[in-house]
């Protein structure tokens, strides 16, 4: 069964959708840049067709100008079919997020799975700290302990 997947996002974003197989390998299903298709009247959505049941990872490769790149989103696609009928039809469709900020709505009659993906404006802050701040903390603690020991030794020397 094939169905499209739409997502509300912003023009200029580039996405990669990968299928995750049971052995852990991944296969790129499609890459898509919003607004790259001049025939697309709605440049705020992307569409993937032919998604099978299973786990997928949606990764934003390029964020629109002025926006932060979103963290990869992992989700499961689950489709239910009427297997008793001569012509099996889709009876239910779900997109269940495993991790990441995403919400799904479905339209079983057309087999559409719609996902709203959140893009945040602003600049990403640089990573700070790390080993440099750890060394400063350790040096500070050593100095405080040394000063305390010096004061104790001074007090003992005065008492003698």
C-alpha atoms as a PDB file:
ATOM      1  CA  UNK A   1       0.000   0.000   0.000  1.00  0.00           C
ATOM      2  CA  UNK A   2       1.323   3.452  -0.868  1.00  0.00           C
ATOM      3  CA  UNK A   3       0.415   6.701   0.816  1.00  0.00           C
ATOM      4  CA  UNK A   4       1.852  10.220   0.903  1.00  0.00           C
ATOM      5  CA  UNK A   5       3.338  11.873   3.968  1.00  0.00           C
ATOM      6  CA  UNK A   6       3.020  15.678   4.302  1.00  0.00           C
ATOM      7  CA  UNK A   7       4.745  17.973   6.760  1.00  0.00           C
ATOM      8  CA  UNK A   8       4.177  21.648   7.503  1.00  0.00           C
ATOM      9  CA  UNK A   9       7.564  23.374   7.356  1.00  0.00           C
ATOM     10  CA  UNK A  10       9.268  26.367   5.720  1.00  0.00           C
ATOM     11  CA  UNK A  11      10.599  27.033   2.201  1.00  0.00           C
ATOM     12  CA  UNK A  12      14.324  26.389   1.876  1.00  0.00           C
ATOM     13  CA  UNK A  13      14.533  23.465   4.285  1.00  0.00           C
ATOM     14  CA  UNK A  14      16.159  20.295   2.969  1.00  0.00           C
ATOM     15  CA  UNK A  15      15.142  16.944   4.458  1.00  0.00           C
ATOM     16  CA  UNK A  16      16.286  13.347   4.210  1.00  0.00           C
ATOM     17  CA  UNK A  17      13.936  10.458   5.037  1.00  0.00           C
ATOM     18  CA  UNK A  18      15.581   7.125   5.844  1.00  0.00           C
ATOM     19  CA  UNK A  19      14.006   3.732   6.422  1.00  0.00           C
ATOM     20  CA  UNK A  20      15.563   1.780   9.313  1.00  0.00           C
ATOM     21  CA  UNK A  21      15.689  -1.971   8.765  1.00  0.00           C
ATOM     22  CA  UNK A  22      15.582  -4.638  11.490  1.00  0.00           C
ATOM     23  CA  UNK A  23      19.330  -5.255  11.207  1.00  0.00           C
ATOM     24  CA  UNK A  24      19.974  -1.541  11.918  1.00  0.00           C
ATOM     25  CA  UNK A  25      20.933  -0.580   8.381  1.00  0.00           C
ATOM     26  CA  UNK A  26      19.371   2.503   6.827  1.00  0.00           C
ATOM     27  CA  UNK A  27      18.292   3.344   3.304  1.00  0.00           C
ATOM     28  CA  UNK A  28      17.550   6.855   2.071  1.00  0.00           C
ATOM     29  CA  UNK A  29      13.950   6.881   0.833  1.00  0.00           C
ATOM     30  CA  UNK A  30      14.002  10.444  -0.440  1.00  0.00           C
ATOM     31  CA  UNK A  31      15.683  13.816  -0.102  1.00  0.00           C
ATOM     32  CA  UNK A  32      13.601  16.890  -0.670  1.00  0.00           C
ATOM     33  CA  UNK A  33      14.112  20.661  -0.595  1.00  0.00           C
ATOM     34  CA  UNK A  34      11.015  22.741   0.156  1.00  0.00           C
ATOM     35  CA  UNK A  35      10.242  25.075  -2.701  1.00  0.00           C
ATOM     36  CA  UNK A  36      12.508  23.235  -5.151  1.00  0.00           C
ATOM     37  CA  UNK A  37       9.553  22.100  -7.265  1.00  0.00           C
ATOM     38  CA  UNK A  38       8.216  25.082  -9.219  1.00  0.00           C
ATOM     39  CA  UNK A  39       4.998  23.148  -9.968  1.00  0.00           C
ATOM     40  CA  UNK A  40       4.315  22.731  -6.239  1.00  0.00           C
ATOM     41  CA  UNK A  41       1.660  25.324  -5.335  1.00  0.00           C
ATOM     42  CA  UNK A  42       2.103  24.703  -1.612  1.00  0.00           C
ATOM     43  CA  UNK A  43       5.760  25.285  -0.802  1.00  0.00           C
ATOM     44  CA  UNK A  44       5.247  24.663   2.928  1.00  0.00           C
ATOM     45  CA  UNK A  45       4.800  20.873   2.626  1.00  0.00           C
ATOM     46  CA  UNK A  46       6.743  17.944   1.387  1.00  0.00           C
ATOM     47  CA  UNK A  47       5.367  14.628   0.208  1.00  0.00           C
ATOM     48  CA  UNK A  48       6.740  11.104   0.380  1.00  0.00           C
ATOM     49  CA  UNK A  49       4.931   8.221  -1.261  1.00  0.00           C
ATOM     50  CA  UNK A  50       5.340   4.488  -0.906  1.00  0.00           C
ATOM     51  CA  UNK A  51       6.114   4.309   2.801  1.00  0.00           C
ATOM     52  CA  UNK A  52       5.878   0.788   4.183  1.00  0.00           C
ATOM     53  CA  UNK A  53       5.291  -0.220   7.775  1.00  0.00           C
ATOM     54  CA  UNK A  54       8.425   0.273   9.824  1.00  0.00           C
ATOM     55  CA  UNK A  55      10.723   2.779  11.424  1.00  0.00           C
ATOM     56  CA  UNK A  56      11.878   5.972   9.712  1.00  0.00           C
ATOM     57  CA  UNK A  57      14.251   8.815  10.555  1.00  0.00           C
ATOM     58  CA  UNK A  58      13.494  12.320   9.261  1.00  0.00           C
ATOM     59  CA  UNK A  59      16.598  14.508   9.271  1.00  0.00           C
ATOM     60  CA  UNK A  60      16.780  18.176   8.351  1.00  0.00           C
ATOM     61  CA  UNK A  61      19.975  18.575   6.342  1.00  0.00           C
ATOM     62  CA  UNK A  62      19.660  22.327   5.677  1.00  0.00           C
ATOM     63  CA  UNK A  63      17.493  24.679   7.731  1.00  0.00           C
ATOM     64  CA  UNK A  64      15.826  27.743   6.210  1.00  0.00           C
ATOM     65  CA  UNK A  65      17.791  30.944   6.671  1.00  0.00           C
ATOM     66  CA  UNK A  66      17.283  32.283  10.182  1.00  0.00           C
ATOM     67  CA  UNK A  67      16.171  28.916  11.608  1.00  0.00           C
ATOM     68  CA  UNK A  68      17.957  26.224  13.603  1.00  0.00           C
ATOM     69  CA  UNK A  69      18.367  22.741  12.160  1.00  0.00           C
ATOM     70  CA  UNK A  70      16.010  20.380  13.969  1.00  0.00           C
ATOM     71  CA  UNK A  71      17.213  17.226  15.691  1.00  0.00           C
ATOM     72  CA  UNK A  72      16.521  14.018  13.746  1.00  0.00           C
ATOM     73  CA  UNK A  73      13.036  12.607  14.365  1.00  0.00           C
ATOM     74  CA  UNK A  74      12.443   8.864  14.579  1.00  0.00           C
ATOM     75  CA  UNK A  75       8.934   7.533  14.030  1.00  0.00           C
ATOM     76  CA  UNK A  76       7.115   4.309  13.215  1.00  0.00           C
ATOM     77  CA  UNK A  77       4.571   3.961  10.419  1.00  0.00           C
ATOM     78  CA  UNK A  78       1.854   1.399  11.144  1.00  0.00           C
ATOM     79  CA  UNK A  79      -0.802   0.535   8.562  1.00  0.00           C
ATOM     80  CA  UNK A  80      -3.713  -1.855   9.002  1.00  0.00           C
ATOM     81  CA  UNK A  81      -5.498  -3.477   6.057  1.00  0.00           C
ATOM     82  CA  UNK A  82      -8.682  -5.484   5.632  1.00  0.00           C
ATOM     83  CA  UNK A  83      -6.977  -8.744   4.701  1.00  0.00           C
ATOM     84  CA  UNK A  84     -10.253 -10.702   4.521  1.00  0.00           C
ATOM     85  CA  UNK A  85     -11.542  -8.800   1.470  1.00  0.00           C
ATOM     86  CA  UNK A  86     -10.760  -9.767  -2.122  1.00  0.00           C
ATOM     87  CA  UNK A  87      -9.451  -6.217  -2.630  1.00  0.00           C
ATOM     88  CA  UNK A  88      -7.693  -5.348   0.667  1.00  0.00           C
ATOM     89  CA  UNK A  89      -8.239  -1.733   1.723  1.00  0.00           C
ATOM     90  CA  UNK A  90      -6.412   0.428   4.231  1.00  0.00           C
ATOM     91  CA  UNK A  91      -8.424   0.455   7.474  1.00  0.00           C
ATOM     92  CA  UNK A  92      -6.130   2.438   9.792  1.00  0.00           C
ATOM     93  CA  UNK A  93      -2.883   4.372   9.559  1.00  0.00           C
ATOM     94  CA  UNK A  94      -0.686   5.680  12.352  1.00  0.00           C
ATOM     95  CA  UNK A  95       2.556   7.553  12.707  1.00  0.00           C
ATOM     96  CA  UNK A  96       3.964   7.001  16.174  1.00  0.00           C
ATOM     97  CA  UNK A  97       6.901   9.189  17.231  1.00  0.00           C
ATOM     98  CA  UNK A  98       9.774   7.341  18.878  1.00  0.00           C
ATOM     99  CA  UNK A  99      11.792  10.482  19.603  1.00  0.00           C
ATOM    100  CA  UNK A 100      11.719  14.077  18.473  1.00  0.00           C
ATOM    101  CA  UNK A 101       9.087  16.774  18.309  1.00  0.00           C
ATOM    102  CA  UNK A 102       6.479  15.702  15.779  1.00  0.00           C
ATOM    103  CA  UNK A 103       2.751  15.074  15.736  1.00  0.00           C
ATOM    104  CA  UNK A 104       0.763  13.111  13.194  1.00  0.00           C
ATOM    105  CA  UNK A 105      -2.744  13.203  11.829  1.00  0.00           C
ATOM    106  CA  UNK A 106      -4.141  10.674   9.384  1.00  0.00           C
ATOM    107  CA  UNK A 107      -6.693  10.508   6.618  1.00  0.00           C
ATOM    108  CA  UNK A 108      -7.397   6.835   5.973  1.00  0.00           C
ATOM    109  CA  UNK A 109      -9.575   7.425   2.887  1.00  0.00           C
ATOM    110  CA  UNK A 110      -6.593   8.806   0.983  1.00  0.00           C
ATOM    111  CA  UNK A 111      -3.911   6.988   2.971  1.00  0.00           C
ATOM    112  CA  UNK A 112      -2.342  10.286   4.020  1.00  0.00           C
ATOM    113  CA  UNK A 113      -0.120  10.681   7.034  1.00  0.00           C
ATOM    114  CA  UNK A 114       0.406  14.375   7.872  1.00  0.00           C
ATOM    115  CA  UNK A 115       3.119  15.531  10.249  1.00  0.00           C
ATOM    116  CA  UNK A 116       3.761  18.974  11.659  1.00  0.00           C
ATOM    117  CA  UNK A 117       7.495  19.531  12.066  1.00  0.00           C
ATOM    118  CA  UNK A 118       8.646  22.420  14.264  1.00  0.00           C
ATOM    119  CA  UNK A 119      11.431  24.756  13.122  1.00  0.00           C
ATOM    120  CA  UNK A 120      12.722  27.305  15.636  1.00  0.00           C
ATOM    121  CA  UNK A 121      14.067  30.714  14.691  1.00  0.00           C
ATOM    122  CA  UNK A 122      17.328  31.978  16.069  1.00  0.00           C
ATOM    123  CA  UNK A 123      20.941  31.107  16.252  1.00  0.00           C
ATOM    124  CA  UNK A 124      22.287  28.011  17.889  1.00  0.00           C
ATOM    125  CA  UNK A 125      24.488  28.816  20.848  1.00  0.00           C
ATOM    126  CA  UNK A 126      28.030  27.515  20.662  1.00  0.00           C
ATOM    127  CA  UNK A 127      29.035  24.679  22.910  1.00  0.00           C
ATOM    128  CA  UNK A 128      30.875  26.036  25.927  1.00  0.00           C
ATOM    129  CA  UNK A 129      32.696  24.527  28.846  1.00  0.00           C
ATOM    130  CA  UNK A 130      34.006  21.077  28.375  1.00  0.00           C
ATOM    131  CA  UNK A 131      37.406  20.101  29.741  1.00  0.00           C
ATOM    132  CA  UNK A 132      38.559  23.727  30.229  1.00  0.00           C
ATOM    133  CA  UNK A 133      35.914  24.545  32.831  1.00  0.00           C
ATOM    134  CA  UNK A 134      36.451  21.216  34.599  1.00  0.00           C
ATOM    135  CA  UNK A 135      40.144  22.040  35.058  1.00  0.00           C
ATOM    136  CA  UNK A 136      39.242  25.477  36.455  1.00  0.00           C
ATOM    137  CA  UNK A 137      36.764  23.926  38.926  1.00  0.00           C
ATOM    138  CA  UNK A 138      39.362  21.416  40.136  1.00  0.00           C
ATOM    139  CA  UNK A 139      42.038  24.126  40.475  1.00  0.00           C
ATOM    140  CA  UNK A 140      39.600  26.334  42.431  1.00  0.00           C
ATOM    141  CA  UNK A 141      38.708  23.520  44.828  1.00  0.00           C
ATOM    142  CA  UNK A 142      42.397  22.746  45.380  1.00  0.00           C
ATOM    143  CA  UNK A 143      43.116  26.424  46.149  1.00  0.00           C
ATOM    144  CA  UNK A 144      40.214  26.589  48.632  1.00  0.00           C
ATOM    145  CA  UNK A 145      41.392  23.405  50.369  1.00  0.00           C
ATOM    146  CA  UNK A 146      44.996  24.691  50.457  1.00  0.00           C
ATOM    147  CA  UNK A 147      43.857  28.014  51.945  1.00  0.00           C
ATOM    148  CA  UNK A 148      41.810  26.163  54.580  1.00  0.00           C
ATOM    149  CA  UNK A 149      44.779  23.933  55.472  1.00  0.00           C
ATOM    150  CA  UNK A 150      47.058  26.992  55.697  1.00  0.00           C
ATOM    151  CA  UNK A 151      44.624  28.708  58.099  1.00  0.00           C
ATOM    152  CA  UNK A 152      44.412  25.584  60.302  1.00  0.00           C
ATOM    153  CA  UNK A 153      48.218  25.344  60.401  1.00  0.00           C
ATOM    154  CA  UNK A 154      48.479  29.078  61.274  1.00  0.00           C
ATOM    155  CA  UNK A 155      46.025  28.646  64.148  1.00  0.00           C
ATOM    156  CA  UNK A 156      47.974  25.676  65.530  1.00  0.00           C
ATOM    157  CA  UNK A 157      51.257  27.627  65.256  1.00  0.00           C
ATOM    158  CA  UNK A 158      49.770  30.581  67.186  1.00  0.00           C
ATOM    159  CA  UNK A 159      48.492  28.313  69.965  1.00  0.00           C
ATOM    160  CA  UNK A 160      51.960  26.832  70.628  1.00  0.00           C
END
